[in-house]
Amino acid sequence: MTHRSHEIPQDDLRNLVRVVSACTLGLWAFAAGLLIGVFLFS
């Protein structure tokens, strides 16, 4: 088993992309909900 510290494993990269995209989607959903709430209740 060769140890390569300078290369990121593909699984870790996929997990990172998944986490980042989930966080981005969550932030967009939160912002959209906030805007809708402000427009509805102002």
N, C-alpha and C. Protein backbone atom coordinates (compact mmCIF):
# COMPACT_ATOMS: atom_id res chain seq x y z
N MET A 1 0.85 -1.19 0.00
CA MET A 1 0.00 0.00 0.00
C MET A 1 0.89 1.24 0.00
N THR A 2 0.76 2.04 -1.01
CA THR A 2 1.60 3.23 -1.12
C THR A 2 0.90 4.42 -0.49
N HIS A 3 1.66 5.21 0.22
CA HIS A 3 1.08 6.38 0.90
C HIS A 3 1.46 7.64 0.15
N ARG A 4 0.46 8.32 -0.40
CA ARG A 4 0.71 9.55 -1.14
C ARG A 4 0.01 10.70 -0.43
N SER A 5 0.79 11.53 0.24
CA SER A 5 0.22 12.59 1.06
C SER A 5 -0.17 13.81 0.24
N HIS A 6 0.43 13.96 -0.95
CA HIS A 6 0.16 15.16 -1.73
C HIS A 6 -1.06 15.01 -2.63
N GLU A 7 -1.61 13.79 -2.71
CA GLU A 7 -2.79 13.57 -3.53
C GLU A 7 -4.02 13.35 -2.66
N ILE A 8 -5.10 14.02 -3.00
CA ILE A 8 -6.34 13.86 -2.25
C ILE A 8 -7.10 12.66 -2.83
N PRO A 9 -7.49 11.73 -1.97
CA PRO A 9 -8.28 10.58 -2.45
C PRO A 9 -9.59 11.05 -3.09
N GLN A 10 -10.04 10.30 -4.08
CA GLN A 10 -11.24 10.70 -4.81
C GLN A 10 -12.47 10.74 -3.91
N ASP A 11 -12.55 9.80 -2.96
CA ASP A 11 -13.71 9.76 -2.06
C ASP A 11 -13.76 11.01 -1.18
N ASP A 12 -12.60 11.42 -0.66
CA ASP A 12 -12.56 12.62 0.17
C ASP A 12 -12.99 13.84 -0.64
N LEU A 13 -12.54 13.90 -1.90
CA LEU A 13 -12.89 15.02 -2.76
C LEU A 13 -14.39 15.04 -3.01
N ARG A 14 -14.97 13.87 -3.26
CA ARG A 14 -16.42 13.80 -3.49
C ARG A 14 -17.18 14.21 -2.25
N ASN A 15 -16.73 13.75 -1.09
CA ASN A 15 -17.40 14.13 0.16
C ASN A 15 -17.31 15.62 0.38
N LEU A 16 -16.16 16.22 0.10
CA LEU A 16 -15.97 17.65 0.27
C LEU A 16 -16.92 18.42 -0.65
N VAL A 17 -16.99 18.00 -1.90
CA VAL A 17 -17.89 18.66 -2.86
C VAL A 17 -19.34 18.54 -2.39
N ARG A 18 -19.70 17.36 -1.88
CA ARG A 18 -21.07 17.14 -1.42
C ARG A 18 -21.39 18.06 -0.23
N VAL A 19 -20.46 18.16 0.71
CA VAL A 19 -20.67 19.01 1.88
C VAL A 19 -20.78 20.48 1.47
N VAL A 20 -19.88 20.91 0.59
CA VAL A 20 -19.89 22.31 0.16
C VAL A 20 -21.19 22.64 -0.57
N SER A 21 -21.62 21.75 -1.46
CA SER A 21 -22.85 22.01 -2.22
C SER A 21 -24.06 22.00 -1.28
N ALA A 22 -24.06 21.10 -0.30
CA ALA A 22 -25.17 21.07 0.65
C ALA A 22 -25.21 22.36 1.47
N CYS A 23 -24.04 22.83 1.90
CA CYS A 23 -23.99 24.08 2.67
C CYS A 23 -24.45 25.26 1.82
N THR A 24 -24.03 25.28 0.56
CA THR A 24 -24.42 26.37 -0.33
C THR A 24 -25.93 26.36 -0.56
N LEU A 25 -26.48 25.17 -0.81
CA LEU A 25 -27.93 25.07 -1.01
C LEU A 25 -28.68 25.49 0.24
N GLY A 26 -28.17 25.09 1.40
CA GLY A 26 -28.80 25.47 2.66
C GLY A 26 -28.78 26.98 2.85
N LEU A 27 -27.65 27.61 2.53
CA LEU A 27 -27.55 29.06 2.66
C LEU A 27 -28.51 29.76 1.71
N TRP A 28 -28.60 29.29 0.46
CA TRP A 28 -29.51 29.89 -0.51
C TRP A 28 -30.95 29.71 -0.05
N ALA A 29 -31.31 28.53 0.46
CA ALA A 29 -32.68 28.30 0.94
C ALA A 29 -32.98 29.21 2.12
N PHE A 30 -32.02 29.38 3.01
CA PHE A 30 -32.20 30.25 4.18
C PHE A 30 -32.40 31.69 3.73
N ALA A 31 -31.57 32.15 2.79
CA ALA A 31 -31.68 33.52 2.30
C ALA A 31 -33.02 33.74 1.59
N ALA A 32 -33.44 32.78 0.79
CA ALA A 32 -34.72 32.90 0.08
C ALA A 32 -35.87 32.94 1.08
N GLY A 33 -35.84 32.07 2.08
CA GLY A 33 -36.88 32.06 3.10
C GLY A 33 -36.91 33.37 3.86
N LEU A 34 -35.74 33.90 4.16
CA LEU A 34 -35.66 35.18 4.87
C LEU A 34 -36.26 36.30 4.03
N LEU A 35 -35.92 36.34 2.76
CA LEU A 35 -36.46 37.38 1.87
C LEU A 35 -37.97 37.26 1.75
N ILE A 36 -38.47 36.04 1.56
CA ILE A 36 -39.91 35.83 1.44
C ILE A 36 -40.60 36.25 2.73
N GLY A 37 -40.01 35.87 3.87
CA GLY A 37 -40.58 36.25 5.16
C GLY A 37 -40.62 37.76 5.33
N VAL A 38 -39.56 38.44 4.93
CA VAL A 38 -39.51 39.90 5.06
C VAL A 38 -40.58 40.54 4.17
N PHE A 39 -40.71 40.05 2.94
CA PHE A 39 -41.69 40.62 2.02
C PHE A 39 -43.12 40.34 2.48
N LEU A 40 -43.34 39.16 3.06
CA LEU A 40 -44.70 38.81 3.47
C LEU A 40 -45.12 39.54 4.74
N PHE A 41 -44.20 39.67 5.69
CA PHE A 41 -44.59 40.17 7.01
C PHE A 41 -44.22 41.62 7.25
N SER A 42 -43.76 42.33 6.22
CA SER A 42 -43.42 43.74 6.43
C SER A 42 -44.62 44.63 6.12
